[in-house]
Amino acid sequence: MFISTAYAQTAPAAAASGTDTLFSLLPLVLMFVVLYFIMIRPQMKKQKEHKAMIEALAKGDEVVIAGGVLGRVAKLGDNYLNVEVANGVEVQVQRGAVVQVLPKGTFK
């Protein structure tokens, strides 16, 4: 007497569920696009510039090595190069350890 009968609700139309999944994936796709242009693309550009700098090294170039040591390129090899850090003192390092090429006359 005091309890009323409960009825089930009807299901929504099935045609709208296809567009709902598209809209639910849209934020994920937009996040990936923004992430690509903010993080991935600039990093790839920086790697490309570093590779070009290392390939363009020549004997006599003044460079900064990864540890912060300044020197002049004395010998070049395929994977290694010798850097003169003082008169008569050479250090053999990998090509990838070169961080920056300095203007001529910086290292004396």
N, C-alpha and C. Protein backbone atom coordinates (compact mmCIF):
# COMPACT_ATOMS: atom_id res chain seq x y z
N MET A 1 0.78 -1.18 0.00
CA MET A 1 0.00 0.00 0.00
C MET A 1 0.84 1.27 0.00
N PHE A 2 1.86 1.32 0.83
CA PHE A 2 2.67 2.53 0.90
C PHE A 2 3.83 2.53 -0.11
N ILE A 3 4.13 1.40 -0.69
CA ILE A 3 5.25 1.29 -1.63
C ILE A 3 4.71 1.34 -3.05
N SER A 4 5.27 2.27 -3.86
CA SER A 4 4.82 2.38 -5.24
C SER A 4 5.67 1.47 -6.14
N THR A 5 5.20 1.18 -7.29
CA THR A 5 5.90 0.32 -8.24
C THR A 5 6.97 1.12 -8.95
N ALA A 6 8.19 0.51 -9.10
CA ALA A 6 9.30 1.17 -9.79
C ALA A 6 9.41 0.63 -11.21
N TYR A 7 9.58 1.52 -12.15
CA TYR A 7 9.71 1.13 -13.54
C TYR A 7 11.11 1.47 -14.05
N ALA A 8 11.65 0.64 -14.95
CA ALA A 8 12.99 0.88 -15.52
C ALA A 8 12.93 2.01 -16.54
N GLN A 9 14.06 2.75 -16.65
CA GLN A 9 14.12 3.83 -17.63
C GLN A 9 14.42 3.25 -19.00
N THR A 10 14.05 3.97 -20.03
CA THR A 10 14.31 3.50 -21.38
C THR A 10 15.74 3.83 -21.78
N ALA A 11 16.33 3.02 -22.65
CA ALA A 11 17.71 3.21 -23.10
C ALA A 11 17.77 4.34 -24.11
N PRO A 12 18.90 5.12 -24.14
CA PRO A 12 19.03 6.18 -25.14
C PRO A 12 19.20 5.59 -26.54
N ALA A 13 19.00 6.42 -27.53
CA ALA A 13 19.10 5.97 -28.92
C ALA A 13 20.53 5.54 -29.23
N ALA A 14 20.71 4.49 -30.02
CA ALA A 14 22.03 3.93 -30.33
C ALA A 14 22.79 4.78 -31.35
N ALA A 15 22.16 5.61 -32.12
CA ALA A 15 22.82 6.41 -33.16
C ALA A 15 23.76 7.45 -32.57
N ALA A 16 23.50 7.97 -31.40
CA ALA A 16 24.32 9.01 -30.80
C ALA A 16 25.60 8.45 -30.17
N SER A 17 25.68 7.16 -29.91
CA SER A 17 26.86 6.59 -29.23
C SER A 17 28.11 6.64 -30.11
N GLY A 18 27.99 6.62 -31.42
CA GLY A 18 29.14 6.69 -32.33
C GLY A 18 29.83 8.05 -32.25
N THR A 19 29.08 9.10 -32.17
CA THR A 19 29.66 10.44 -32.07
C THR A 19 30.20 10.69 -30.66
N ASP A 20 29.63 10.05 -29.67
CA ASP A 20 30.12 10.20 -28.30
C ASP A 20 31.54 9.65 -28.17
N THR A 21 31.83 8.53 -28.78
CA THR A 21 33.19 7.97 -28.71
C THR A 21 34.19 8.86 -29.43
N LEU A 22 33.76 9.49 -30.52
CA LEU A 22 34.64 10.41 -31.24
C LEU A 22 34.98 11.62 -30.37
N PHE A 23 33.99 12.16 -29.71
CA PHE A 23 34.22 13.33 -28.85
C PHE A 23 35.01 12.97 -27.59
N SER A 24 34.91 11.73 -27.15
CA SER A 24 35.67 11.33 -25.97
C SER A 24 37.14 11.13 -26.32
N LEU A 25 37.49 10.81 -27.56
CA LEU A 25 38.88 10.66 -27.99
C LEU A 25 39.51 11.98 -28.41
N LEU A 26 38.71 12.97 -28.69
CA LEU A 26 39.20 14.26 -29.17
C LEU A 26 40.18 14.94 -28.19
N PRO A 27 39.93 14.98 -26.89
CA PRO A 27 40.92 15.59 -25.98
C PRO A 27 42.26 14.86 -25.97
N LEU A 28 42.23 13.54 -26.09
CA LEU A 28 43.46 12.76 -26.12
C LEU A 28 44.27 13.09 -27.38
N VAL A 29 43.62 13.20 -28.51
CA VAL A 29 44.30 13.54 -29.76
C VAL A 29 44.85 14.97 -29.69
N LEU A 30 44.09 15.88 -29.16
CA LEU A 30 44.55 17.26 -29.04
C LEU A 30 45.75 17.37 -28.10
N MET A 31 45.74 16.60 -27.02
CA MET A 31 46.89 16.60 -26.10
C MET A 31 48.15 16.10 -26.79
N PHE A 32 48.04 15.06 -27.59
CA PHE A 32 49.19 14.53 -28.31
C PHE A 32 49.72 15.56 -29.31
N VAL A 33 48.85 16.24 -30.01
CA VAL A 33 49.28 17.25 -30.99
C VAL A 33 50.01 18.40 -30.29
N VAL A 34 49.49 18.87 -29.19
CA VAL A 34 50.14 19.95 -28.44
C VAL A 34 51.48 19.47 -27.90
N LEU A 35 51.54 18.26 -27.37
CA LEU A 35 52.79 17.69 -26.85
C LEU A 35 53.83 17.59 -27.95
N TYR A 36 53.42 17.21 -29.15
CA TYR A 36 54.34 17.10 -30.28
C TYR A 36 54.97 18.45 -30.60
N PHE A 37 54.16 19.49 -30.68
CA PHE A 37 54.69 20.80 -31.07
C PHE A 37 55.44 21.50 -29.96
N ILE A 38 55.16 21.17 -28.70
CA ILE A 38 55.84 21.82 -27.59
C ILE A 38 57.11 21.09 -27.17
N MET A 39 57.12 19.76 -27.20
CA MET A 39 58.25 19.01 -26.67
C MET A 39 59.03 18.21 -27.72
N ILE A 40 58.36 17.43 -28.52
CA ILE A 40 59.05 16.48 -29.40
C ILE A 40 59.72 17.19 -30.57
N ARG A 41 59.03 18.07 -31.24
CA ARG A 41 59.58 18.75 -32.42
C ARG A 41 60.81 19.61 -32.10
N PRO A 42 60.80 20.44 -31.04
CA PRO A 42 62.01 21.21 -30.73
C PRO A 42 63.20 20.32 -30.34
N GLN A 43 62.94 19.20 -29.67
CA GLN A 43 64.03 18.30 -29.30
C GLN A 43 64.66 17.66 -30.54
N MET A 44 63.85 17.28 -31.50
CA MET A 44 64.38 16.71 -32.74
C MET A 44 65.20 17.75 -33.50
N LYS A 45 64.76 18.99 -33.51
CA LYS A 45 65.49 20.06 -34.18
C LYS A 45 66.84 20.29 -33.52
N LYS A 46 66.87 20.26 -32.18
CA LYS A 46 68.11 20.45 -31.44
C LYS A 46 69.09 19.30 -31.71
N GLN A 47 68.60 18.07 -31.78
CA GLN A 47 69.45 16.92 -32.08
C GLN A 47 70.03 17.03 -33.49
N LYS A 48 69.24 17.48 -34.43
CA LYS A 48 69.71 17.64 -35.80
C LYS A 48 70.82 18.70 -35.89
N GLU A 49 70.65 19.82 -35.17
CA GLU A 49 71.67 20.88 -35.17
C GLU A 49 72.96 20.39 -34.52
N HIS A 50 72.87 19.61 -33.43
CA HIS A 50 74.05 19.09 -32.75
C HIS A 50 74.80 18.11 -33.65
N LYS A 51 74.07 17.27 -34.36
CA LYS A 51 74.70 16.31 -35.27
C LYS A 51 75.43 17.04 -36.40
N ALA A 52 74.82 18.08 -36.94
CA ALA A 52 75.46 18.86 -38.01
C ALA A 52 76.71 19.55 -37.49
N MET A 53 76.68 20.06 -36.24
CA MET A 53 77.85 20.72 -35.66
C MET A 53 78.99 19.72 -35.48
N ILE A 54 78.69 18.52 -35.03
CA ILE A 54 79.73 17.51 -34.80
C ILE A 54 80.34 17.06 -36.13
N GLU A 55 79.52 16.91 -37.16
CA GLU A 55 80.03 16.49 -38.46
C GLU A 55 80.88 17.57 -39.11
N ALA A 56 80.65 18.84 -38.76
CA ALA A 56 81.39 19.94 -39.37
C ALA A 56 82.68 20.28 -38.63
N LEU A 57 83.03 19.53 -37.58
CA LEU A 57 84.26 19.82 -36.84
C LEU A 57 85.48 19.67 -37.74
N ALA A 58 86.44 20.54 -37.54
CA ALA A 58 87.68 20.51 -38.31
C ALA A 58 88.85 20.73 -37.36
N LYS A 59 90.03 20.37 -37.82
CA LYS A 59 91.23 20.55 -37.02
C LYS A 59 91.43 22.05 -36.77
N GLY A 60 91.71 22.40 -35.51
CA GLY A 60 91.93 23.79 -35.16
C GLY A 60 90.71 24.48 -34.59
N ASP A 61 89.55 23.83 -34.64
CA ASP A 61 88.34 24.42 -34.05
C ASP A 61 88.47 24.45 -32.53
N GLU A 62 87.97 25.50 -31.93
CA GLU A 62 87.98 25.62 -30.48
C GLU A 62 86.62 25.18 -29.97
N VAL A 63 86.63 24.22 -29.02
CA VAL A 63 85.40 23.57 -28.58
C VAL A 63 85.30 23.53 -27.07
N VAL A 64 84.08 23.29 -26.60
CA VAL A 64 83.81 23.02 -25.19
C VAL A 64 83.35 21.57 -25.11
N ILE A 65 83.99 20.79 -24.22
CA ILE A 65 83.65 19.39 -24.04
C ILE A 65 82.58 19.30 -22.95
N ALA A 66 81.89 18.16 -22.87
CA ALA A 66 80.77 17.98 -21.93
C ALA A 66 81.13 18.31 -20.49
N GLY A 67 82.35 18.11 -20.06
CA GLY A 67 82.74 18.42 -18.69
C GLY A 67 83.01 19.89 -18.45
N GLY A 68 82.90 20.71 -19.49
CA GLY A 68 83.15 22.14 -19.36
C GLY A 68 84.59 22.51 -19.69
N VAL A 69 85.36 21.57 -20.20
CA VAL A 69 86.76 21.81 -20.54
C VAL A 69 86.84 22.45 -21.92
N LEU A 70 87.64 23.53 -22.03
CA LEU A 70 87.85 24.18 -23.31
C LEU A 70 89.11 23.64 -23.94
N GLY A 71 89.12 23.57 -25.26
CA GLY A 71 90.30 23.08 -25.94
C GLY A 71 90.22 23.31 -27.44
N ARG A 72 91.30 22.91 -28.10
CA ARG A 72 91.41 23.05 -29.55
C ARG A 72 91.53 21.66 -30.16
N VAL A 73 90.80 21.39 -31.22
CA VAL A 73 90.83 20.08 -31.86
C VAL A 73 92.19 19.88 -32.51
N ALA A 74 92.89 18.79 -32.10
CA ALA A 74 94.22 18.49 -32.64
C ALA A 74 94.16 17.42 -33.71
N LYS A 75 93.41 16.36 -33.47
CA LYS A 75 93.28 15.25 -34.43
C LYS A 75 91.82 14.85 -34.51
N LEU A 76 91.43 14.43 -35.71
CA LEU A 76 90.06 13.97 -35.93
C LEU A 76 90.06 12.50 -36.32
N GLY A 77 89.13 11.75 -35.76
CA GLY A 77 88.91 10.36 -36.14
C GLY A 77 87.45 10.19 -36.48
N ASP A 78 87.05 8.94 -36.76
CA ASP A 78 85.64 8.70 -37.09
C ASP A 78 84.75 8.90 -35.86
N ASN A 79 85.13 8.28 -34.74
CA ASN A 79 84.31 8.36 -33.53
C ASN A 79 84.93 9.19 -32.42
N TYR A 80 86.25 9.39 -32.50
CA TYR A 80 86.96 10.10 -31.44
C TYR A 80 87.71 11.29 -32.02
N LEU A 81 88.04 12.23 -31.15
CA LEU A 81 88.91 13.32 -31.55
C LEU A 81 89.81 13.68 -30.37
N ASN A 82 90.98 14.17 -30.69
CA ASN A 82 91.92 14.61 -29.66
C ASN A 82 91.79 16.12 -29.51
N VAL A 83 91.63 16.54 -28.27
CA VAL A 83 91.47 17.96 -27.97
C VAL A 83 92.66 18.39 -27.14
N GLU A 84 93.35 19.42 -27.61
CA GLU A 84 94.48 19.97 -26.87
C GLU A 84 93.94 20.97 -25.85
N VAL A 85 94.11 20.63 -24.55
CA VAL A 85 93.57 21.49 -23.50
C VAL A 85 94.64 22.42 -22.94
N ALA A 86 95.91 22.10 -23.14
CA ALA A 86 97.03 22.93 -22.74
C ALA A 86 98.19 22.60 -23.68
N ASN A 87 99.28 23.36 -23.61
CA ASN A 87 100.41 23.09 -24.49
C ASN A 87 100.95 21.69 -24.20
N GLY A 88 100.89 20.82 -25.20
CA GLY A 88 101.40 19.46 -25.07
C GLY A 88 100.49 18.50 -24.34
N VAL A 89 99.31 18.92 -23.92
CA VAL A 89 98.37 18.05 -23.21
C VAL A 89 97.14 17.83 -24.09
N GLU A 90 96.95 16.57 -24.50
CA GLU A 90 95.79 16.23 -25.34
C GLU A 90 94.89 15.26 -24.62
N VAL A 91 93.61 15.42 -24.82
CA VAL A 91 92.59 14.55 -24.24
C VAL A 91 91.82 13.93 -25.39
N GLN A 92 91.64 12.60 -25.34
CA GLN A 92 90.87 11.94 -26.38
C GLN A 92 89.43 11.80 -25.90
N VAL A 93 88.49 12.31 -26.69
CA VAL A 93 87.07 12.28 -26.31
C VAL A 93 86.24 11.79 -27.49
N GLN A 94 85.04 11.36 -27.20
CA GLN A 94 84.11 11.00 -28.26
C GLN A 94 83.58 12.25 -28.93
N ARG A 95 83.19 12.12 -30.17
CA ARG A 95 82.67 13.28 -30.91
C ARG A 95 81.41 13.85 -30.24
N GLY A 96 80.58 12.99 -29.67
CA GLY A 96 79.34 13.42 -29.04
C GLY A 96 79.56 14.24 -27.78
N ALA A 97 80.79 14.21 -27.23
CA ALA A 97 81.07 14.96 -26.01
C ALA A 97 81.26 16.44 -26.27
N VAL A 98 81.37 16.82 -27.53
CA VAL A 98 81.52 18.24 -27.86
C VAL A 98 80.17 18.92 -27.69
N VAL A 99 80.14 19.93 -26.84
CA VAL A 99 78.91 20.63 -26.53
C VAL A 99 78.73 21.86 -27.42
N GLN A 100 79.85 22.57 -27.66
CA GLN A 100 79.74 23.84 -28.37
C GLN A 100 81.04 24.11 -29.12
N VAL A 101 80.93 24.73 -30.27
CA VAL A 101 82.10 25.21 -31.01
C VAL A 101 82.21 26.71 -30.74
N LEU A 102 83.38 27.10 -30.26
CA LEU A 102 83.59 28.51 -29.89
C LEU A 102 84.14 29.31 -31.07
N PRO A 103 83.97 30.62 -31.05
CA PRO A 103 84.58 31.46 -32.10
C PRO A 103 86.10 31.39 -32.00
N LYS A 104 86.76 31.59 -33.13
CA LYS A 104 88.23 31.57 -33.16
C LYS A 104 88.79 32.63 -32.22
N GLY A 105 89.84 32.28 -31.50
CA GLY A 105 90.51 33.22 -30.62
C GLY A 105 90.00 33.19 -29.19
N THR A 106 89.00 32.38 -28.90
CA THR A 106 88.47 32.30 -27.54
C THR A 106 89.44 31.57 -26.62
N PHE A 107 89.99 30.47 -27.10
CA PHE A 107 90.90 29.63 -26.31
C PHE A 107 92.33 30.03 -26.65
N LYS A 108 93.11 30.40 -25.62
CA LYS A 108 94.49 30.81 -25.87
C LYS A 108 95.46 29.90 -25.19
